[in-house]
Amino acid sequence: MDKSTKTWQQNELWEKEIDLLKAIINKTPLVETVKWGGIVYTYNNKNVLGIGGFKSYFGLWFFNGVFLKDSLNILVSGNETTKALRQWRFNSSEELDEKKILEYISEAIELEKEGRVHKAEKSPLVMSVFFEDFLNQENLNSDFEKFTLTKKKEFVEYIDTAKQEKTKLARLEKIKPMIIEGIGLNDKYR
């Protein structure tokens, strides 16, 4: 492995094992890239899987692994908040079964071809009573409702993160004309 291309996911413990995984993956139409400092394989510029080594294991993960059949029942979720990503962890190179790995990768590629993608769930808008009262008092509800969910959340966060009431009031005065004119809080940066 070329030391100049080392990523955050690799350490000296798993160099040979990562190279073995790469050799298996190279038998597929996936394209190797580096994203977020890690090795990621794409199909038609869409993330399909990643590989890396960690303290106690090395492995590969499927970005839309939740849709895989997982006939071997070996995929794990990284943590309780992970929705779609699934990992296949290994503790030694002897655990690498090329045929099975290629089956999972082929299925992941097929899912990508079909457009099966886990859509992130949008969290609901939670407004403080302070902000709701402001919208009601200023008759800005209909103007505020015209914004996208993201822009609404930006306004709410801007107001609710102020610690002092005088800061909140100053911020409300600043955003009032923006809401009336339909200008999002961060539109000038987009």
N, C-alpha and C. Protein backbone atom coordinates (compact mmCIF):
# COMPACT_ATOMS: atom_id res chain seq x y z
N MET A 1 0.85 -1.19 0.00
CA MET A 1 0.00 0.00 0.00
C MET A 1 0.88 1.23 0.00
N ASP A 2 0.58 2.18 -0.83
CA ASP A 2 1.34 3.42 -0.93
C ASP A 2 1.07 4.27 0.31
N LYS A 3 2.14 4.59 1.05
CA LYS A 3 2.01 5.36 2.30
C LYS A 3 1.46 6.76 2.05
N SER A 4 1.68 7.32 0.86
CA SER A 4 1.23 8.69 0.59
C SER A 4 -0.28 8.79 0.43
N THR A 5 -0.95 7.67 0.21
CA THR A 5 -2.40 7.71 0.03
C THR A 5 -3.15 7.12 1.22
N LYS A 6 -2.49 7.01 2.33
CA LYS A 6 -3.11 6.44 3.53
C LYS A 6 -4.29 7.32 3.97
N THR A 7 -5.38 6.70 4.35
CA THR A 7 -6.56 7.42 4.79
C THR A 7 -6.73 7.25 6.28
N TRP A 8 -7.65 7.97 6.84
CA TRP A 8 -7.90 7.91 8.29
C TRP A 8 -8.35 6.52 8.73
N GLN A 9 -8.93 5.74 7.84
CA GLN A 9 -9.49 4.45 8.22
C GLN A 9 -8.47 3.33 8.24
N GLN A 10 -7.26 3.61 7.84
CA GLN A 10 -6.26 2.55 7.77
C GLN A 10 -5.27 2.72 8.90
N ASN A 11 -4.80 1.62 9.41
CA ASN A 11 -3.70 1.66 10.35
C ASN A 11 -2.79 0.49 10.02
N GLU A 12 -1.65 0.45 10.67
CA GLU A 12 -0.65 -0.56 10.35
C GLU A 12 -1.17 -1.98 10.57
N LEU A 13 -2.15 -2.16 11.44
CA LEU A 13 -2.65 -3.50 11.75
C LEU A 13 -3.31 -4.18 10.55
N TRP A 14 -3.94 -3.43 9.68
CA TRP A 14 -4.79 -4.02 8.65
C TRP A 14 -4.35 -3.74 7.22
N GLU A 15 -3.13 -3.34 6.99
CA GLU A 15 -2.71 -2.99 5.62
C GLU A 15 -2.92 -4.12 4.63
N LYS A 16 -2.46 -5.32 4.96
CA LYS A 16 -2.59 -6.46 4.03
C LYS A 16 -4.06 -6.82 3.82
N GLU A 17 -4.84 -6.75 4.89
CA GLU A 17 -6.26 -7.11 4.80
C GLU A 17 -7.01 -6.11 3.93
N ILE A 18 -6.71 -4.83 4.08
CA ILE A 18 -7.34 -3.80 3.25
C ILE A 18 -6.98 -4.03 1.78
N ASP A 19 -5.71 -4.36 1.53
CA ASP A 19 -5.29 -4.65 0.15
C ASP A 19 -6.04 -5.86 -0.41
N LEU A 20 -6.28 -6.88 0.42
CA LEU A 20 -7.05 -8.05 -0.04
C LEU A 20 -8.48 -7.65 -0.39
N LEU A 21 -9.11 -6.82 0.46
CA LEU A 21 -10.46 -6.35 0.16
C LEU A 21 -10.48 -5.55 -1.14
N LYS A 22 -9.49 -4.68 -1.31
CA LYS A 22 -9.42 -3.88 -2.52
C LYS A 22 -9.29 -4.77 -3.76
N ALA A 23 -8.49 -5.83 -3.67
CA ALA A 23 -8.32 -6.75 -4.79
C ALA A 23 -9.65 -7.42 -5.15
N ILE A 24 -10.43 -7.76 -4.15
CA ILE A 24 -11.75 -8.37 -4.41
C ILE A 24 -12.67 -7.34 -5.06
N ILE A 25 -12.72 -6.14 -4.51
CA ILE A 25 -13.62 -5.10 -5.02
C ILE A 25 -13.23 -4.69 -6.43
N ASN A 26 -11.93 -4.75 -6.74
CA ASN A 26 -11.47 -4.38 -8.09
C ASN A 26 -11.99 -5.32 -9.18
N LYS A 27 -12.61 -6.42 -8.80
CA LYS A 27 -13.21 -7.35 -9.77
C LYS A 27 -14.63 -6.92 -10.14
N THR A 28 -15.06 -5.81 -9.59
CA THR A 28 -16.41 -5.28 -9.84
C THR A 28 -16.30 -3.99 -10.65
N PRO A 29 -17.42 -3.46 -11.13
CA PRO A 29 -17.37 -2.20 -11.88
C PRO A 29 -17.29 -0.95 -10.98
N LEU A 30 -17.11 -1.14 -9.69
CA LEU A 30 -17.05 0.01 -8.78
C LEU A 30 -15.76 0.80 -8.99
N VAL A 31 -15.85 2.10 -8.74
CA VAL A 31 -14.72 3.01 -8.90
C VAL A 31 -14.26 3.46 -7.51
N GLU A 32 -12.96 3.30 -7.26
CA GLU A 32 -12.40 3.71 -5.96
C GLU A 32 -12.20 5.22 -5.92
N THR A 33 -12.65 5.83 -4.83
CA THR A 33 -12.45 7.25 -4.58
C THR A 33 -12.08 7.44 -3.12
N VAL A 34 -11.73 8.65 -2.76
CA VAL A 34 -11.51 8.98 -1.37
C VAL A 34 -12.50 10.08 -1.01
N LYS A 35 -13.33 9.80 -0.02
CA LYS A 35 -14.31 10.77 0.45
C LYS A 35 -14.24 10.80 1.96
N TRP A 36 -14.33 11.98 2.52
CA TRP A 36 -14.29 12.16 3.97
C TRP A 36 -13.03 11.53 4.57
N GLY A 37 -11.96 11.48 3.77
CA GLY A 37 -10.72 10.90 4.23
C GLY A 37 -10.71 9.39 4.26
N GLY A 38 -11.67 8.75 3.62
CA GLY A 38 -11.75 7.29 3.61
C GLY A 38 -11.93 6.74 2.21
N ILE A 39 -11.72 5.45 2.07
CA ILE A 39 -11.86 4.78 0.78
C ILE A 39 -13.33 4.46 0.55
N VAL A 40 -13.86 4.98 -0.53
CA VAL A 40 -15.26 4.79 -0.89
C VAL A 40 -15.31 4.31 -2.33
N TYR A 41 -16.20 3.37 -2.60
CA TYR A 41 -16.39 2.86 -3.95
C TYR A 41 -17.75 3.31 -4.45
N THR A 42 -17.74 3.79 -5.71
CA THR A 42 -18.96 4.34 -6.29
C THR A 42 -19.35 3.59 -7.56
N TYR A 43 -20.63 3.74 -7.89
CA TYR A 43 -21.16 3.25 -9.16
C TYR A 43 -21.97 4.41 -9.74
N ASN A 44 -21.60 4.86 -10.93
CA ASN A 44 -22.23 6.04 -11.53
C ASN A 44 -22.21 7.23 -10.57
N ASN A 45 -21.09 7.42 -9.92
CA ASN A 45 -20.86 8.52 -8.97
C ASN A 45 -21.74 8.46 -7.73
N LYS A 46 -22.33 7.32 -7.45
CA LYS A 46 -23.14 7.13 -6.24
C LYS A 46 -22.38 6.22 -5.28
N ASN A 47 -22.35 6.59 -4.02
CA ASN A 47 -21.64 5.80 -3.01
C ASN A 47 -22.31 4.44 -2.84
N VAL A 48 -21.52 3.37 -2.97
CA VAL A 48 -22.04 2.02 -2.79
C VAL A 48 -21.46 1.38 -1.55
N LEU A 49 -20.13 1.45 -1.40
CA LEU A 49 -19.52 0.86 -0.21
C LEU A 49 -18.22 1.57 0.13
N GLY A 50 -17.76 1.33 1.34
CA GLY A 50 -16.49 1.87 1.81
C GLY A 50 -15.74 0.76 2.53
N ILE A 51 -14.43 0.95 2.67
CA ILE A 51 -13.62 -0.02 3.41
C ILE A 51 -12.68 0.71 4.33
N GLY A 52 -12.25 0.03 5.39
CA GLY A 52 -11.30 0.65 6.29
C GLY A 52 -10.92 -0.27 7.42
N GLY A 53 -9.86 0.11 8.11
CA GLY A 53 -9.39 -0.64 9.26
C GLY A 53 -9.54 0.19 10.52
N PHE A 54 -9.91 -0.46 11.58
CA PHE A 54 -10.11 0.22 12.86
C PHE A 54 -9.31 -0.52 13.93
N LYS A 55 -9.44 -0.15 15.18
CA LYS A 55 -8.65 -0.77 16.24
C LYS A 55 -8.83 -2.27 16.30
N SER A 56 -10.07 -2.70 16.40
CA SER A 56 -10.32 -4.12 16.67
C SER A 56 -10.84 -4.89 15.46
N TYR A 57 -11.03 -4.24 14.33
CA TYR A 57 -11.51 -4.95 13.14
C TYR A 57 -11.23 -4.13 11.90
N PHE A 58 -11.34 -4.77 10.76
CA PHE A 58 -11.36 -4.08 9.48
C PHE A 58 -12.65 -4.51 8.81
N GLY A 59 -13.07 -3.77 7.82
CA GLY A 59 -14.32 -4.19 7.21
C GLY A 59 -14.73 -3.35 6.03
N LEU A 60 -15.92 -3.67 5.58
CA LEU A 60 -16.53 -2.89 4.52
C LEU A 60 -17.94 -2.55 4.95
N TRP A 61 -18.43 -1.48 4.43
CA TRP A 61 -19.80 -1.08 4.76
C TRP A 61 -20.52 -0.67 3.49
N PHE A 62 -21.78 -0.96 3.52
CA PHE A 62 -22.66 -0.67 2.39
C PHE A 62 -23.53 0.52 2.74
N PHE A 63 -23.47 1.55 1.91
CA PHE A 63 -24.21 2.78 2.21
C PHE A 63 -25.71 2.55 2.27
N ASN A 64 -26.23 1.63 1.46
CA ASN A 64 -27.65 1.30 1.50
C ASN A 64 -27.83 -0.16 1.91
N GLY A 65 -27.02 -0.58 2.86
CA GLY A 65 -27.02 -1.96 3.32
C GLY A 65 -28.33 -2.42 3.93
N VAL A 66 -29.14 -1.49 4.37
CA VAL A 66 -30.43 -1.85 4.95
C VAL A 66 -31.30 -2.61 3.95
N PHE A 67 -31.07 -2.41 2.65
CA PHE A 67 -31.86 -3.07 1.62
C PHE A 67 -31.30 -4.42 1.20
N LEU A 68 -30.09 -4.75 1.63
CA LEU A 68 -29.49 -6.04 1.24
C LEU A 68 -30.22 -7.19 1.93
N LYS A 69 -30.28 -8.32 1.24
CA LYS A 69 -30.97 -9.50 1.81
C LYS A 69 -30.24 -10.02 3.04
N ASP A 70 -28.91 -9.91 3.06
CA ASP A 70 -28.06 -10.37 4.16
C ASP A 70 -28.36 -11.83 4.51
N SER A 71 -28.24 -12.68 3.51
CA SER A 71 -28.52 -14.11 3.70
C SER A 71 -27.60 -14.76 4.73
N LEU A 72 -26.42 -14.20 4.94
CA LEU A 72 -25.48 -14.75 5.93
C LEU A 72 -25.71 -14.17 7.33
N ASN A 73 -26.56 -13.18 7.40
CA ASN A 73 -26.86 -12.51 8.67
C ASN A 73 -25.59 -12.00 9.35
N ILE A 74 -24.75 -11.31 8.57
CA ILE A 74 -23.48 -10.83 9.09
C ILE A 74 -23.37 -9.31 9.15
N LEU A 75 -24.31 -8.62 8.57
CA LEU A 75 -24.23 -7.16 8.55
C LEU A 75 -24.71 -6.58 9.88
N VAL A 76 -24.01 -5.55 10.33
CA VAL A 76 -24.38 -4.89 11.57
C VAL A 76 -24.55 -3.40 11.32
N SER A 77 -25.37 -2.79 12.14
CA SER A 77 -25.54 -1.35 12.11
C SER A 77 -24.45 -0.75 12.99
N GLY A 78 -23.83 0.32 12.53
CA GLY A 78 -22.74 0.93 13.28
C GLY A 78 -23.14 1.41 14.65
N ASN A 79 -24.32 1.97 14.77
CA ASN A 79 -24.84 2.43 16.06
C ASN A 79 -26.35 2.59 15.97
N GLU A 80 -26.95 3.00 17.04
CA GLU A 80 -28.42 3.06 17.08
C GLU A 80 -29.02 4.16 16.20
N THR A 81 -28.22 5.13 15.80
CA THR A 81 -28.76 6.21 14.96
C THR A 81 -28.58 5.94 13.46
N THR A 82 -27.79 4.93 13.12
CA THR A 82 -27.56 4.61 11.71
C THR A 82 -28.84 4.05 11.10
N LYS A 83 -29.25 4.62 9.99
CA LYS A 83 -30.49 4.18 9.35
C LYS A 83 -30.24 3.18 8.23
N ALA A 84 -29.39 3.52 7.27
CA ALA A 84 -29.24 2.69 6.07
C ALA A 84 -27.91 1.93 6.01
N LEU A 85 -26.86 2.51 6.54
CA LEU A 85 -25.53 1.91 6.41
C LEU A 85 -25.42 0.63 7.22
N ARG A 86 -24.79 -0.38 6.62
CA ARG A 86 -24.55 -1.65 7.31
C ARG A 86 -23.10 -2.07 7.09
N GLN A 87 -22.48 -2.60 8.15
CA GLN A 87 -21.08 -2.99 8.13
C GLN A 87 -20.92 -4.50 8.11
N TRP A 88 -19.84 -4.94 7.47
CA TRP A 88 -19.41 -6.34 7.50
C TRP A 88 -18.02 -6.29 8.11
N ARG A 89 -17.89 -6.75 9.32
CA ARG A 89 -16.63 -6.66 10.06
C ARG A 89 -15.86 -7.98 10.01
N PHE A 90 -14.55 -7.82 9.92
CA PHE A 90 -13.65 -8.98 9.88
C PHE A 90 -12.56 -8.81 10.93
N ASN A 91 -12.10 -9.93 11.47
CA ASN A 91 -11.02 -9.91 12.46
C ASN A 91 -9.73 -10.51 11.93
N SER A 92 -9.79 -11.16 10.77
CA SER A 92 -8.59 -11.72 10.15
C SER A 92 -8.84 -11.92 8.66
N SER A 93 -7.76 -12.05 7.91
CA SER A 93 -7.90 -12.25 6.47
C SER A 93 -8.50 -13.62 6.15
N GLU A 94 -8.40 -14.57 7.08
CA GLU A 94 -9.00 -15.89 6.88
C GLU A 94 -10.52 -15.82 6.77
N GLU A 95 -11.12 -14.78 7.31
CA GLU A 95 -12.57 -14.62 7.26
C GLU A 95 -13.07 -14.13 5.91
N LEU A 96 -12.15 -13.66 5.06
CA LEU A 96 -12.55 -13.11 3.77
C LEU A 96 -12.92 -14.23 2.81
N ASP A 97 -14.18 -14.26 2.42
CA ASP A 97 -14.68 -15.23 1.46
C ASP A 97 -15.05 -14.43 0.20
N GLU A 98 -14.17 -14.50 -0.78
CA GLU A 98 -14.32 -13.68 -1.99
C GLU A 98 -15.69 -13.86 -2.64
N LYS A 99 -16.12 -15.10 -2.77
CA LYS A 99 -17.39 -15.38 -3.44
C LYS A 99 -18.55 -14.69 -2.72
N LYS A 100 -18.59 -14.82 -1.40
CA LYS A 100 -19.69 -14.21 -0.63
C LYS A 100 -19.61 -12.69 -0.66
N ILE A 101 -18.40 -12.16 -0.55
CA ILE A 101 -18.23 -10.70 -0.59
C ILE A 101 -18.71 -10.17 -1.94
N LEU A 102 -18.33 -10.85 -3.03
CA LEU A 102 -18.76 -10.42 -4.35
C LEU A 102 -20.27 -10.52 -4.54
N GLU A 103 -20.90 -11.51 -3.90
CA GLU A 103 -22.36 -11.61 -3.96
C GLU A 103 -23.01 -10.39 -3.32
N TYR A 104 -22.53 -9.99 -2.15
CA TYR A 104 -23.08 -8.83 -1.46
C TYR A 104 -22.84 -7.56 -2.28
N ILE A 105 -21.63 -7.44 -2.83
CA ILE A 105 -21.32 -6.25 -3.63
C ILE A 105 -22.20 -6.20 -4.87
N SER A 106 -22.38 -7.34 -5.53
CA SER A 106 -23.24 -7.38 -6.74
C SER A 106 -24.66 -6.95 -6.41
N GLU A 107 -25.15 -7.43 -5.27
CA GLU A 107 -26.50 -7.04 -4.86
C GLU A 107 -26.57 -5.54 -4.57
N ALA A 108 -25.53 -5.00 -3.94
CA ALA A 108 -25.49 -3.56 -3.65
C ALA A 108 -25.47 -2.74 -4.93
N ILE A 109 -24.74 -3.21 -5.93
CA ILE A 109 -24.70 -2.52 -7.23
C ILE A 109 -26.08 -2.58 -7.89
N GLU A 110 -26.73 -3.72 -7.83
CA GLU A 110 -28.08 -3.85 -8.41
C GLU A 110 -29.06 -2.89 -7.73
N LEU A 111 -28.95 -2.79 -6.40
CA LEU A 111 -29.81 -1.85 -5.68
C LEU A 111 -29.58 -0.42 -6.15
N GLU A 112 -28.32 -0.09 -6.41
CA GLU A 112 -27.99 1.25 -6.90
C GLU A 112 -28.57 1.45 -8.29
N LYS A 113 -28.47 0.44 -9.14
CA LYS A 113 -29.04 0.53 -10.50
C LYS A 113 -30.54 0.74 -10.44
N GLU A 114 -31.19 0.10 -9.48
CA GLU A 114 -32.65 0.22 -9.32
C GLU A 114 -33.04 1.55 -8.68
N GLY A 115 -32.07 2.26 -8.15
CA GLY A 115 -32.35 3.53 -7.49
C GLY A 115 -32.86 3.38 -6.06
N ARG A 116 -32.63 2.23 -5.46
CA ARG A 116 -33.05 2.01 -4.06
C ARG A 116 -32.13 2.79 -3.15
N VAL A 117 -32.65 3.83 -2.57
CA VAL A 117 -31.87 4.69 -1.68
C VAL A 117 -32.71 4.98 -0.46
N HIS A 118 -32.09 4.91 0.68
CA HIS A 118 -32.78 5.25 1.91
C HIS A 118 -32.92 6.76 1.99
N LYS A 119 -34.11 7.23 2.06
CA LYS A 119 -34.36 8.67 2.17
C LYS A 119 -34.29 9.07 3.64
N ALA A 120 -33.51 10.08 3.91
CA ALA A 120 -33.39 10.56 5.28
C ALA A 120 -34.74 11.10 5.75
N GLU A 121 -35.05 10.77 6.96
CA GLU A 121 -36.31 11.26 7.54
C GLU A 121 -36.11 12.70 7.98
N LYS A 122 -37.05 13.54 7.63
CA LYS A 122 -36.96 14.94 8.03
C LYS A 122 -37.51 15.10 9.43
N SER A 123 -36.72 15.76 10.25
CA SER A 123 -37.19 16.02 11.61
C SER A 123 -38.23 17.15 11.55
N PRO A 124 -39.21 17.09 12.41
CA PRO A 124 -40.26 18.11 12.38
C PRO A 124 -39.75 19.46 12.88
N LEU A 125 -40.45 20.48 12.50
CA LEU A 125 -40.13 21.83 12.96
C LEU A 125 -40.65 21.98 14.39
N VAL A 126 -39.76 22.35 15.28
CA VAL A 126 -40.14 22.57 16.68
C VAL A 126 -39.87 24.04 16.99
N MET A 127 -40.96 24.77 17.18
CA MET A 127 -40.84 26.20 17.46
C MET A 127 -41.06 26.47 18.93
N SER A 128 -40.27 27.39 19.44
CA SER A 128 -40.46 27.81 20.82
C SER A 128 -41.73 28.66 20.91
N VAL A 129 -42.29 28.72 22.09
CA VAL A 129 -43.46 29.57 22.33
C VAL A 129 -43.10 31.01 22.04
N PHE A 130 -41.88 31.40 22.39
CA PHE A 130 -41.40 32.76 22.15
C PHE A 130 -41.50 33.12 20.67
N PHE A 131 -41.03 32.25 19.81
CA PHE A 131 -41.04 32.51 18.37
C PHE A 131 -42.47 32.46 17.81
N GLU A 132 -43.25 31.50 18.28
CA GLU A 132 -44.65 31.40 17.83
C GLU A 132 -45.43 32.66 18.20
N ASP A 133 -45.22 33.15 19.42
CA ASP A 133 -45.89 34.38 19.86
C ASP A 133 -45.52 35.55 18.97
N PHE A 134 -44.25 35.63 18.61
CA PHE A 134 -43.79 36.71 17.73
C PHE A 134 -44.52 36.65 16.38
N LEU A 135 -44.58 35.45 15.78
CA LEU A 135 -45.25 35.31 14.48
C LEU A 135 -46.72 35.70 14.58
N ASN A 136 -47.37 35.29 15.67
CA ASN A 136 -48.78 35.62 15.87
C ASN A 136 -48.99 37.12 16.07
N GLN A 137 -48.19 37.74 16.91
CA GLN A 137 -48.33 39.17 17.21
C GLN A 137 -48.07 40.04 15.99
N GLU A 138 -47.14 39.61 15.15
CA GLU A 138 -46.77 40.41 13.99
C GLU A 138 -47.55 40.00 12.73
N ASN A 139 -48.49 39.06 12.88
CA ASN A 139 -49.26 38.55 11.74
C ASN A 139 -48.36 38.06 10.60
N LEU A 140 -47.34 37.29 10.97
CA LEU A 140 -46.38 36.79 10.00
C LEU A 140 -46.53 35.29 9.70
N ASN A 141 -47.54 34.66 10.25
CA ASN A 141 -47.70 33.22 10.06
C ASN A 141 -47.79 32.83 8.59
N SER A 142 -48.60 33.54 7.81
CA SER A 142 -48.76 33.16 6.40
C SER A 142 -47.46 33.39 5.63
N ASP A 143 -46.75 34.46 5.94
CA ASP A 143 -45.46 34.71 5.27
C ASP A 143 -44.45 33.64 5.66
N PHE A 144 -44.43 33.27 6.93
CA PHE A 144 -43.48 32.27 7.43
C PHE A 144 -43.75 30.91 6.81
N GLU A 145 -45.02 30.58 6.60
CA GLU A 145 -45.39 29.27 6.06
C GLU A 145 -44.93 29.09 4.61
N LYS A 146 -44.61 30.16 3.91
CA LYS A 146 -44.16 30.07 2.52
C LYS A 146 -42.73 29.52 2.41
N PHE A 147 -41.99 29.56 3.50
CA PHE A 147 -40.60 29.08 3.48
C PHE A 147 -40.55 27.56 3.50
N THR A 148 -39.43 27.03 3.00
CA THR A 148 -39.20 25.59 3.08
C THR A 148 -38.93 25.21 4.54
N LEU A 149 -39.03 23.93 4.83
CA LEU A 149 -38.78 23.45 6.18
C LEU A 149 -37.38 23.83 6.65
N THR A 150 -36.41 23.70 5.78
CA THR A 150 -35.03 24.04 6.14
C THR A 150 -34.90 25.51 6.51
N LYS A 151 -35.50 26.38 5.73
CA LYS A 151 -35.41 27.81 6.02
C LYS A 151 -36.15 28.17 7.30
N LYS A 152 -37.27 27.51 7.55
CA LYS A 152 -37.99 27.74 8.80
C LYS A 152 -37.11 27.35 9.99
N LYS A 153 -36.46 26.19 9.88
CA LYS A 153 -35.59 25.72 10.96
C LYS A 153 -34.44 26.68 11.21
N GLU A 154 -33.91 27.27 10.14
CA GLU A 154 -32.81 28.24 10.30
C GLU A 154 -33.27 29.45 11.10
N PHE A 155 -34.46 29.96 10.79
CA PHE A 155 -34.99 31.10 11.55
C PHE A 155 -35.19 30.73 13.02
N VAL A 156 -35.82 29.59 13.25
CA VAL A 156 -36.10 29.15 14.62
C VAL A 156 -34.81 28.99 15.41
N GLU A 157 -33.82 28.35 14.81
CA GLU A 157 -32.55 28.15 15.51
C GLU A 157 -31.87 29.49 15.80
N TYR A 158 -31.93 30.40 14.85
CA TYR A 158 -31.32 31.72 15.01
C TYR A 158 -31.89 32.44 16.24
N ILE A 159 -33.17 32.35 16.40
CA ILE A 159 -33.82 33.01 17.54
C ILE A 159 -33.59 32.24 18.84
N ASP A 160 -33.80 30.94 18.79
CA ASP A 160 -33.75 30.14 20.02
C ASP A 160 -32.35 29.94 20.58
N THR A 161 -31.32 30.15 19.79
CA THR A 161 -29.96 30.00 20.31
C THR A 161 -29.47 31.24 21.04
N ALA A 162 -30.18 32.33 20.91
CA ALA A 162 -29.81 33.53 21.67
C ALA A 162 -30.09 33.28 23.16
N LYS A 163 -29.14 33.66 24.00
CA LYS A 163 -29.28 33.37 25.43
C LYS A 163 -30.08 34.45 26.18
N GLN A 164 -29.89 35.66 25.78
CA GLN A 164 -30.58 36.75 26.48
C GLN A 164 -31.81 37.19 25.69
N GLU A 165 -32.83 37.62 26.44
CA GLU A 165 -34.06 38.04 25.78
C GLU A 165 -33.83 39.26 24.89
N LYS A 166 -32.97 40.17 25.31
CA LYS A 166 -32.72 41.36 24.48
C LYS A 166 -32.08 40.98 23.15
N THR A 167 -31.25 39.94 23.16
CA THR A 167 -30.66 39.46 21.91
C THR A 167 -31.73 38.83 21.03
N LYS A 168 -32.63 38.07 21.64
CA LYS A 168 -33.72 37.46 20.88
C LYS A 168 -34.57 38.55 20.24
N LEU A 169 -34.89 39.57 21.00
CA LEU A 169 -35.72 40.66 20.46
C LEU A 169 -35.02 41.38 19.32
N ALA A 170 -33.71 41.61 19.46
CA ALA A 170 -32.96 42.27 18.39
C ALA A 170 -32.95 41.40 17.13
N ARG A 171 -32.80 40.11 17.33
CA ARG A 171 -32.81 39.19 16.19
C ARG A 171 -34.19 39.15 15.53
N LEU A 172 -35.23 39.18 16.33
CA LEU A 172 -36.59 39.19 15.77
C LEU A 172 -36.80 40.42 14.89
N GLU A 173 -36.33 41.55 15.33
CA GLU A 173 -36.46 42.78 14.54
C GLU A 173 -35.68 42.66 13.23
N LYS A 174 -34.54 41.98 13.29
CA LYS A 174 -33.73 41.80 12.08
C LYS A 174 -34.43 40.90 11.07
N ILE A 175 -35.06 39.82 11.53
CA ILE A 175 -35.64 38.86 10.59
C ILE A 175 -37.05 39.23 10.14
N LYS A 176 -37.70 40.13 10.85
CA LYS A 176 -39.08 40.50 10.48
C LYS A 176 -39.18 40.95 9.02
N PRO A 177 -38.35 41.90 8.55
CA PRO A 177 -38.47 42.29 7.14
C PRO A 177 -38.07 41.16 6.18
N MET A 178 -37.17 40.30 6.61
CA MET A 178 -36.76 39.17 5.77
C MET A 178 -37.95 38.22 5.54
N ILE A 179 -38.69 37.94 6.61
CA ILE A 179 -39.85 37.06 6.50
C ILE A 179 -40.90 37.68 5.59
N ILE A 180 -41.15 38.97 5.76
CA ILE A 180 -42.14 39.67 4.94
C ILE A 180 -41.75 39.62 3.46
N GLU A 181 -40.45 39.80 3.17
CA GLU A 181 -39.98 39.82 1.79
C GLU A 181 -39.69 38.43 1.22
N GLY A 182 -39.82 37.40 2.04
CA GLY A 182 -39.57 36.04 1.56
C GLY A 182 -38.10 35.71 1.39
N ILE A 183 -37.26 36.39 2.15
CA ILE A 183 -35.82 36.15 2.09
C ILE A 183 -35.41 35.25 3.24
N GLY A 184 -34.80 34.13 2.94
CA GLY A 184 -34.33 33.21 3.97
C GLY A 184 -33.16 33.78 4.73
N LEU A 185 -32.98 33.33 5.93
CA LEU A 185 -31.92 33.84 6.80
C LEU A 185 -30.54 33.70 6.15
N ASN A 186 -30.29 32.59 5.47
CA ASN A 186 -28.98 32.35 4.89
C ASN A 186 -28.97 32.38 3.36
N ASP A 187 -29.97 33.02 2.77
CA ASP A 187 -30.06 33.06 1.31
C ASP A 187 -28.85 33.72 0.66
N LYS A 188 -28.27 34.71 1.31
CA LYS A 188 -27.13 35.40 0.69
C LYS A 188 -25.90 34.50 0.59
N TYR A 189 -25.89 33.38 1.31
CA TYR A 189 -24.76 32.44 1.26
C TYR A 189 -25.01 31.30 0.29
N ARG A 190 -26.20 31.21 -0.24
CA ARG A 190 -26.53 30.08 -1.13
C ARG A 190 -26.25 30.41 -2.57
